[in-house]
Amino acid sequence: MTFLWPDMLWLLLLAPAMLGAYVAILRRRKRAAVRYASLSLLRDALGPRQGLRRHIPPLLLLLGVVVMLVALARPSAIVMLPSQRETIILAMDVSGSMRATDVEPNRLAAAQAAARGFVEATPRRTRIGVVVFAGTASVAQAPTHAHEEVLAAIDRFQVQRATAIGSGILVSLKTIFPDVEFDLRGSNPRPEAGREARGAPLGAPDAPPRQPFTPVPPGSSRSAVIVLLTDGRATMGPDPIESARMAAERGIRIFTVGVGTKGGGTLAYEGWSMRVRLDEETLKTIADITRGEYFHAGTSADLTRIYRALSSQVVVERQATEITVLFAAAALVLTLTSALLSLLWFHRVL
């Protein structure tokens, strides 16, 4: 716990002074009781239990004052709060190698099941979009609060050839920043993505000059995040590392998930076979550059566990938050309790 106004903690020195004043008052009352026999007899009649009880309200009041003095220093702590991210993009690999069965029942089916669980666990206040990539990349579902549409898009995945991880990242960025032009060569962006490249009609007014782009610290964006899942290595399209740098410059975190056994496997299909391997180094680099995190899923159970962990990291995040109101509320409760007990036991307020 830290304090925004730590100098106010010096006021805590008032607590020992108040305790000393209370002890001095008790001694003065004791001396007065010796003078008057009736008061002494009354004290003896009350007994030790009643004598202890009379100290409880003042001590609660003193504790309330101490807590209020701490509140004046404006304490803050790291707490778990709902994330302010408005958009999550699921970038899913649908290349042919996703038919491999080293992850039961196969990589694609396990990925779809885990993604569905992730979507169902995400609050409705968060928009979710889906980007699919193989040799090209495209938007399968634009970001939406209607999570049932996202689930339907996940169920419609169709396997294609090749793997363009960089295209998947760039199309995800274009989905988050629709007004920003990215170099989407090697991907299949939405039609409006290439509108400027085709040129404007003759006689059309000149487009306003672009504002210079200023990079932000990696991972600093609180509005969006990308979850990238793939089972192989990039075989075509833009460089995944350069694409990740473009995401990092815009503060977008990329959480990468590698699917499949680390040793790889052989995929047989329609009389031909190929060896598929997971490029963990590239996925780790993408996560590091963007201040995300890399996960390896060797089984369908791993995938489910990883998406649960991602749900807790993306939907809920640790934030330094001022908790002065909690201390003020505690001080109020202690003070009111002190007054209530004093009225109940002694028919007076302290």
Protein backbone atom coordinates (compact mmCIF):
# COMPACT_ATOMS: atom_id res chain seq x y z
CA MET A 1 0.00 0.00 0.00
CA THR A 2 1.21 3.50 -0.88
CA PHE A 3 0.03 7.00 0.00
CA LEU A 4 -0.60 9.97 -2.30
CA TRP A 5 -0.15 12.43 0.59
CA PRO A 6 2.38 10.63 2.84
CA ASP A 7 3.17 13.81 4.78
CA MET A 8 -0.27 13.59 6.38
CA LEU A 9 0.87 10.45 8.22
CA TRP A 10 2.60 12.72 10.72
CA LEU A 11 -0.88 13.35 12.12
CA LEU A 12 -0.79 9.83 13.53
CA LEU A 13 1.33 11.26 16.33
CA LEU A 14 -1.94 12.62 17.68
CA ALA A 15 -3.02 9.06 18.54
CA PRO A 16 -0.48 8.56 21.40
CA ALA A 17 -1.36 12.03 22.68
CA MET A 18 -5.07 11.15 22.71
CA LEU A 19 -4.33 7.85 24.48
CA GLY A 20 -2.25 9.69 27.05
CA ALA A 21 -5.06 12.19 27.60
CA TYR A 22 -7.51 9.34 28.14
CA VAL A 23 -5.23 7.69 30.73
CA ALA A 24 -4.82 11.04 32.51
CA ILE A 25 -8.60 11.48 32.67
CA LEU A 26 -8.98 7.99 34.15
CA ARG A 27 -6.41 8.73 36.85
CA ARG A 28 -8.12 11.98 37.74
CA ARG A 29 -11.44 10.18 38.06
CA LYS A 30 -9.79 7.57 40.25
CA ARG A 31 -8.50 10.22 42.60
CA ALA A 32 -11.96 11.76 42.74
CA ALA A 33 -13.47 8.37 43.57
CA VAL A 34 -11.21 8.08 46.63
CA ARG A 35 -12.62 11.33 47.99
CA TYR A 36 -16.19 10.19 47.74
CA ALA A 37 -16.97 6.85 49.32
CA SER A 38 -20.23 6.54 47.41
CA LEU A 39 -18.40 6.63 44.07
CA SER A 40 -15.90 4.06 45.29
CA LEU A 41 -18.69 1.77 46.44
CA LEU A 42 -20.43 2.19 43.07
CA ARG A 43 -17.26 1.20 41.24
CA ASP A 44 -16.91 -1.93 43.38
CA ALA A 45 -20.53 -2.82 42.72
CA LEU A 46 -20.01 -2.65 38.99
CA GLY A 47 -17.30 -5.36 39.16
CA PRO A 48 -14.31 -5.99 36.88
CA ARG A 49 -16.44 -6.89 33.86
CA GLN A 50 -18.28 -3.58 33.91
CA GLY A 51 -14.99 -1.79 34.52
CA LEU A 52 -13.51 -3.33 31.37
CA ARG A 53 -16.61 -2.56 29.34
CA ARG A 54 -16.37 1.17 29.99
CA HIS A 55 -13.04 1.28 28.10
CA ILE A 56 -14.41 -0.27 24.90
CA PRO A 57 -16.28 2.77 23.44
CA PRO A 58 -13.34 5.19 23.96
CA LEU A 59 -10.90 2.70 22.42
CA LEU A 60 -13.18 2.21 19.40
CA LEU A 61 -13.37 5.98 19.03
CA LEU A 62 -9.58 6.23 19.20
CA LEU A 63 -9.22 3.51 16.57
CA GLY A 64 -11.71 5.34 14.35
CA VAL A 65 -9.67 8.53 14.64
CA VAL A 66 -6.49 6.63 13.69
CA VAL A 67 -8.16 5.14 10.62
CA MET A 68 -9.45 8.58 9.60
CA LEU A 69 -5.95 10.04 9.93
CA VAL A 70 -4.66 7.30 7.63
CA ALA A 71 -7.45 8.17 5.18
CA LEU A 72 -6.22 11.77 5.10
CA ALA A 73 -2.96 10.47 3.59
CA ARG A 74 -5.00 9.10 0.63
CA PRO A 75 -3.91 5.42 0.63
CA SER A 76 -3.81 3.45 -2.63
CA ALA A 77 -3.32 -0.23 -3.32
CA ILE A 78 -3.14 -2.72 -6.20
CA VAL A 79 -6.62 -4.19 -6.58
CA MET A 80 -8.41 -6.36 -9.14
CA LEU A 81 -10.90 -4.27 -11.11
CA PRO A 82 -13.02 -4.84 -14.21
CA SER A 83 -10.95 -4.04 -17.29
CA GLN A 84 -11.76 -0.89 -19.24
CA ARG A 85 -10.92 -2.63 -22.54
CA GLU A 86 -13.72 -2.15 -25.00
CA THR A 87 -12.59 -4.63 -27.67
CA ILE A 88 -11.01 -8.10 -27.81
CA ILE A 89 -9.94 -9.50 -31.19
CA LEU A 90 -9.60 -13.27 -31.50
CA ALA A 91 -7.14 -13.91 -34.36
CA MET A 92 -7.50 -17.61 -35.18
CA ASP A 93 -5.35 -19.76 -37.45
CA VAL A 94 -7.46 -21.85 -39.89
CA SER A 95 -4.59 -23.26 -41.96
CA GLY A 96 -4.59 -26.90 -43.08
CA SER A 97 -2.29 -27.97 -40.27
CA MET A 98 -5.12 -27.24 -37.82
CA ARG A 99 -6.57 -30.61 -38.90
CA ALA A 100 -3.75 -32.41 -37.04
CA THR A 101 -5.03 -34.75 -34.33
CA ASP A 102 -2.19 -34.47 -31.81
CA VAL A 103 -4.65 -32.24 -29.90
CA GLU A 104 -7.90 -34.20 -29.61
CA PRO A 105 -10.22 -34.34 -31.45
CA ASN A 106 -8.11 -32.07 -33.69
CA ARG A 107 -6.40 -28.73 -33.28
CA LEU A 108 -9.14 -26.68 -34.92
CA ALA A 109 -12.01 -28.29 -33.00
CA ALA A 110 -10.15 -27.89 -29.70
CA ALA A 111 -9.40 -24.25 -30.51
CA GLN A 112 -13.04 -23.59 -31.38
CA ALA A 113 -14.25 -25.17 -28.13
CA ALA A 114 -11.79 -23.14 -26.04
CA ALA A 115 -12.67 -19.92 -27.90
CA ARG A 116 -16.38 -20.52 -27.30
CA GLY A 117 -15.72 -20.92 -23.57
CA PHE A 118 -13.72 -17.67 -23.60
CA VAL A 119 -16.52 -15.76 -25.31
CA GLU A 120 -19.15 -17.12 -22.92
CA ALA A 121 -17.06 -16.04 -19.92
CA THR A 122 -16.51 -12.50 -21.23
CA PRO A 123 -18.93 -9.82 -19.95
CA ARG A 124 -21.34 -8.33 -22.46
CA ARG A 125 -19.88 -4.86 -21.96
CA THR A 126 -16.80 -6.01 -23.96
CA ARG A 127 -16.98 -6.18 -27.73
CA ILE A 128 -15.43 -9.27 -29.32
CA GLY A 129 -14.31 -9.57 -32.93
CA VAL A 130 -12.96 -12.56 -34.86
CA VAL A 131 -10.21 -12.52 -37.50
CA VAL A 132 -9.29 -15.72 -39.32
CA PHE A 133 -6.05 -16.23 -41.21
CA ALA A 134 -4.40 -18.88 -43.35
CA GLY A 135 -2.73 -17.79 -46.60
CA THR A 136 -4.75 -14.58 -46.25
CA ALA A 137 -6.59 -12.92 -43.40
CA SER A 138 -10.13 -11.58 -43.14
CA VAL A 139 -12.67 -10.41 -40.60
CA ALA A 140 -15.03 -13.27 -39.75
CA GLN A 141 -16.97 -11.13 -37.25
CA ALA A 142 -16.68 -7.41 -36.66
CA PRO A 143 -16.41 -6.44 -32.96
CA THR A 144 -19.82 -6.67 -31.36
CA HIS A 145 -21.56 -6.88 -28.00
CA ALA A 146 -23.77 -9.66 -29.42
CA HIS A 147 -21.63 -12.59 -28.32
CA GLU A 148 -23.99 -15.12 -29.92
CA GLU A 149 -22.90 -13.73 -33.29
CA VAL A 150 -19.27 -14.28 -32.28
CA LEU A 151 -20.06 -17.89 -31.35
CA ALA A 152 -21.73 -18.40 -34.72
CA ALA A 153 -18.65 -17.02 -36.50
CA ILE A 154 -16.40 -19.42 -34.59
CA ASP A 155 -18.58 -22.34 -35.67
CA ARG A 156 -18.21 -21.31 -39.35
CA PHE A 157 -14.41 -21.71 -39.53
CA GLN A 158 -13.22 -23.30 -42.79
CA VAL A 159 -9.73 -24.74 -43.24
CA GLN A 160 -7.54 -23.07 -45.90
CA ARG A 161 -3.96 -23.36 -47.13
CA ALA A 162 -0.74 -21.68 -45.92
CA THR A 163 -0.17 -19.51 -42.83
CA ALA A 164 0.15 -15.71 -42.79
CA ILE A 165 0.51 -14.76 -39.13
CA GLY A 166 1.58 -11.21 -39.99
CA SER A 167 -1.59 -10.71 -42.03
CA GLY A 168 -3.68 -11.90 -39.10
CA ILE A 169 -2.08 -9.29 -36.86
CA LEU A 170 -2.46 -6.45 -39.38
CA VAL A 171 -6.11 -7.19 -40.13
CA SER A 172 -6.74 -7.34 -36.38
CA LEU A 173 -5.14 -3.90 -36.05
CA LYS A 174 -7.23 -2.60 -38.94
CA THR A 175 -10.33 -3.89 -37.15
CA ILE A 176 -9.34 -2.00 -33.98
CA PHE A 177 -8.28 1.16 -35.84
CA PRO A 178 -10.57 1.34 -38.92
CA ASP A 179 -9.47 4.89 -39.74
CA VAL A 180 -5.77 4.01 -39.88
CA GLU A 181 -4.21 2.73 -43.09
CA PHE A 182 -1.96 -0.30 -42.69
CA ASP A 183 0.11 -2.05 -45.32
CA LEU A 184 -2.08 -5.12 -45.71
CA ARG A 185 -0.19 -6.73 -48.59
CA GLY A 186 -0.44 -10.45 -48.33
CA SER A 187 -3.76 -10.28 -46.44
CA ASN A 188 -7.40 -10.00 -47.43
CA PRO A 189 -8.66 -6.85 -45.69
CA ARG A 190 -12.18 -5.53 -45.85
CA PRO A 191 -13.01 -3.58 -49.04
CA GLU A 192 -12.69 -0.18 -47.41
CA ALA A 193 -9.12 -0.95 -46.33
CA GLY A 194 -7.83 -0.39 -49.89
CA ARG A 195 -10.05 2.54 -50.80
CA GLU A 196 -7.25 5.10 -50.62
CA ALA A 197 -4.88 2.91 -52.65
CA ARG A 198 -7.37 2.83 -55.55
CA GLY A 199 -7.34 6.63 -55.71
CA ALA A 200 -10.10 9.25 -55.58
CA PRO A 201 -12.36 10.27 -58.51
CA LEU A 202 -11.28 13.20 -60.69
CA GLY A 203 -12.46 16.50 -59.30
CA ALA A 204 -12.82 15.17 -55.78
CA PRO A 205 -11.53 17.48 -53.05
CA ASP A 206 -8.08 16.77 -51.75
CA ALA A 207 -7.96 14.56 -48.69
CA PRO A 208 -6.96 16.37 -45.49
CA PRO A 209 -3.29 15.95 -44.60
CA ARG A 210 -2.57 13.06 -42.29
CA GLN A 211 -1.55 13.78 -38.76
CA PRO A 212 1.95 12.53 -37.94
CA PHE A 213 1.86 9.25 -36.04
CA THR A 214 3.35 9.30 -32.55
CA PRO A 215 4.13 5.86 -31.07
CA VAL A 216 2.91 5.12 -27.56
CA PRO A 217 4.54 2.83 -24.98
CA PRO A 218 3.99 -0.89 -25.73
CA GLY A 219 1.06 -2.37 -23.84
CA SER A 220 -0.26 1.05 -22.77
CA SER A 221 -3.64 0.84 -24.54
CA ARG A 222 -6.57 0.04 -22.26
CA SER A 223 -9.12 -0.04 -25.07
CA ALA A 224 -8.26 -3.22 -27.00
CA VAL A 225 -6.25 -6.44 -26.97
CA ILE A 226 -5.50 -9.22 -29.48
CA VAL A 227 -5.51 -12.94 -28.69
CA LEU A 228 -3.57 -14.73 -31.44
CA LEU A 229 -3.80 -18.53 -31.83
CA THR A 230 -1.76 -20.52 -34.32
CA ASP A 231 -0.22 -23.98 -34.65
CA GLY A 232 2.55 -23.37 -37.12
CA ARG A 233 5.02 -20.89 -38.57
CA ALA A 234 4.44 -18.10 -41.07
CA THR A 235 4.84 -19.32 -44.66
CA MET A 236 3.75 -16.16 -46.48
CA GLY A 237 2.48 -12.62 -45.99
CA PRO A 238 3.98 -9.75 -43.96
CA ASP A 239 6.70 -10.40 -41.38
CA PRO A 240 4.93 -11.29 -38.07
CA ILE A 241 7.60 -9.50 -36.02
CA GLU A 242 7.21 -6.25 -37.99
CA SER A 243 3.43 -6.55 -37.67
CA ALA A 244 3.83 -7.02 -33.92
CA ARG A 245 5.96 -3.86 -33.75
CA MET A 246 3.14 -1.93 -35.41
CA ALA A 247 0.80 -3.21 -32.70
CA ALA A 248 3.31 -2.32 -29.98
CA GLU A 249 3.64 1.24 -31.32
CA ARG A 250 -0.12 1.63 -30.82
CA GLY A 251 -0.04 0.16 -27.32
CA ILE A 252 -1.93 -3.03 -28.26
CA ARG A 253 -1.00 -6.14 -26.32
CA ILE A 254 -0.94 -9.47 -28.17
CA PHE A 255 -1.42 -12.65 -26.16
CA THR A 256 -0.16 -15.56 -28.25
CA VAL A 257 -1.26 -19.19 -27.97
CA GLY A 258 0.75 -21.94 -29.65
CA VAL A 259 -1.29 -25.09 -30.35
CA GLY A 260 0.22 -28.54 -30.82
CA THR A 261 3.00 -30.70 -29.46
CA LYS A 262 6.41 -29.04 -29.31
CA GLY A 263 7.96 -31.80 -31.40
CA GLY A 264 5.41 -31.27 -34.15
CA GLY A 265 3.54 -33.95 -36.03
CA THR A 266 2.77 -35.35 -39.46
CA LEU A 267 -0.49 -34.41 -41.12
CA ALA A 268 -1.89 -36.82 -43.74
CA TYR A 269 -4.65 -35.64 -46.04
CA GLU A 270 -6.00 -36.99 -49.36
CA GLY A 271 -2.94 -39.06 -50.10
CA TRP A 272 -0.28 -36.50 -49.15
CA SER A 273 1.44 -35.72 -45.86
CA MET A 274 3.41 -32.87 -44.37
CA ARG A 275 5.38 -32.17 -41.22
CA VAL A 276 3.96 -29.37 -39.07
CA ARG A 277 5.97 -27.67 -36.36
CA LEU A 278 5.18 -24.89 -33.91
CA ASP A 279 7.31 -21.75 -34.17
CA GLU A 280 7.38 -20.90 -30.46
CA GLU A 281 10.22 -18.41 -30.77
CA THR A 282 8.23 -16.14 -33.08
CA LEU A 283 5.15 -16.30 -30.85
CA LYS A 284 7.23 -15.53 -27.76
CA THR A 285 8.82 -12.57 -29.55
CA ILE A 286 5.42 -11.22 -30.60
CA ALA A 287 4.21 -11.41 -27.01
CA ASP A 288 7.38 -9.81 -25.63
CA ILE A 289 7.36 -6.92 -28.10
CA THR A 290 3.74 -6.04 -27.31
CA ARG A 291 4.01 -6.70 -23.53
CA GLY A 292 1.61 -9.63 -23.84
CA GLU A 293 2.20 -13.23 -22.80
CA TYR A 294 2.86 -16.52 -24.59
CA PHE A 295 1.02 -19.76 -23.78
CA HIS A 296 1.67 -23.27 -25.10
CA ALA A 297 -1.24 -25.67 -25.48
CA GLY A 298 -0.23 -29.28 -26.06
CA THR A 299 -3.68 -30.71 -25.29
CA SER A 300 -7.30 -29.65 -25.47
CA ALA A 301 -7.31 -29.39 -21.66
CA ASP A 302 -4.37 -26.97 -21.92
CA LEU A 303 -6.33 -24.84 -24.36
CA THR A 304 -9.32 -24.65 -22.04
CA ARG A 305 -7.10 -23.75 -19.08
CA ILE A 306 -5.25 -21.09 -21.11
CA TYR A 307 -8.43 -19.40 -22.29
CA ARG A 308 -9.69 -19.32 -18.72
CA ALA A 309 -6.44 -17.65 -17.67
CA LEU A 310 -6.73 -15.21 -20.55
CA SER A 311 -10.27 -14.37 -19.51
CA SER A 312 -9.06 -13.43 -16.03
CA GLN A 313 -6.17 -11.35 -17.43
CA VAL A 314 -8.09 -9.55 -20.18
CA VAL A 315 -11.44 -8.99 -18.48
CA VAL A 316 -10.04 -8.23 -15.01
CA GLU A 317 -6.78 -6.37 -14.43
CA ARG A 318 -4.64 -5.22 -11.55
CA GLN A 319 -4.73 -1.47 -11.07
CA ALA A 320 -3.30 0.98 -8.55
CA THR A 321 -6.46 2.49 -7.06
CA GLU A 322 -7.03 5.03 -4.32
CA ILE A 323 -8.89 3.37 -1.41
CA THR A 324 -9.42 6.45 0.78
CA VAL A 325 -13.17 5.86 0.75
CA LEU A 326 -12.69 2.42 2.35
CA PHE A 327 -10.69 3.87 5.23
CA ALA A 328 -13.19 6.72 5.68
CA ALA A 329 -16.06 4.22 5.77
CA ALA A 330 -14.21 2.07 8.34
CA ALA A 331 -13.60 5.16 10.50
CA LEU A 332 -17.27 6.06 10.33
CA VAL A 333 -18.33 2.55 11.35
CA LEU A 334 -15.94 2.52 14.30
CA THR A 335 -17.13 5.94 15.50
CA LEU A 336 -20.81 5.07 15.22
CA THR A 337 -20.22 1.73 16.97
CA SER A 338 -18.45 3.54 19.80
CA ALA A 339 -21.34 5.96 20.28
CA LEU A 340 -23.96 3.20 20.04
CA LEU A 341 -22.27 1.01 22.68
CA SER A 342 -21.85 3.98 24.99
CA LEU A 343 -25.57 4.81 24.73
CA LEU A 344 -26.55 1.16 25.17
CA TRP A 345 -24.37 0.47 28.17
CA PHE A 346 -24.07 3.84 29.93
CA HIS A 347 -26.96 5.90 28.48
CA ARG A 348 -24.58 8.61 27.31
CA VAL A 349 -22.30 9.35 24.35
CA LEU A 350 -18.82 8.59 25.78
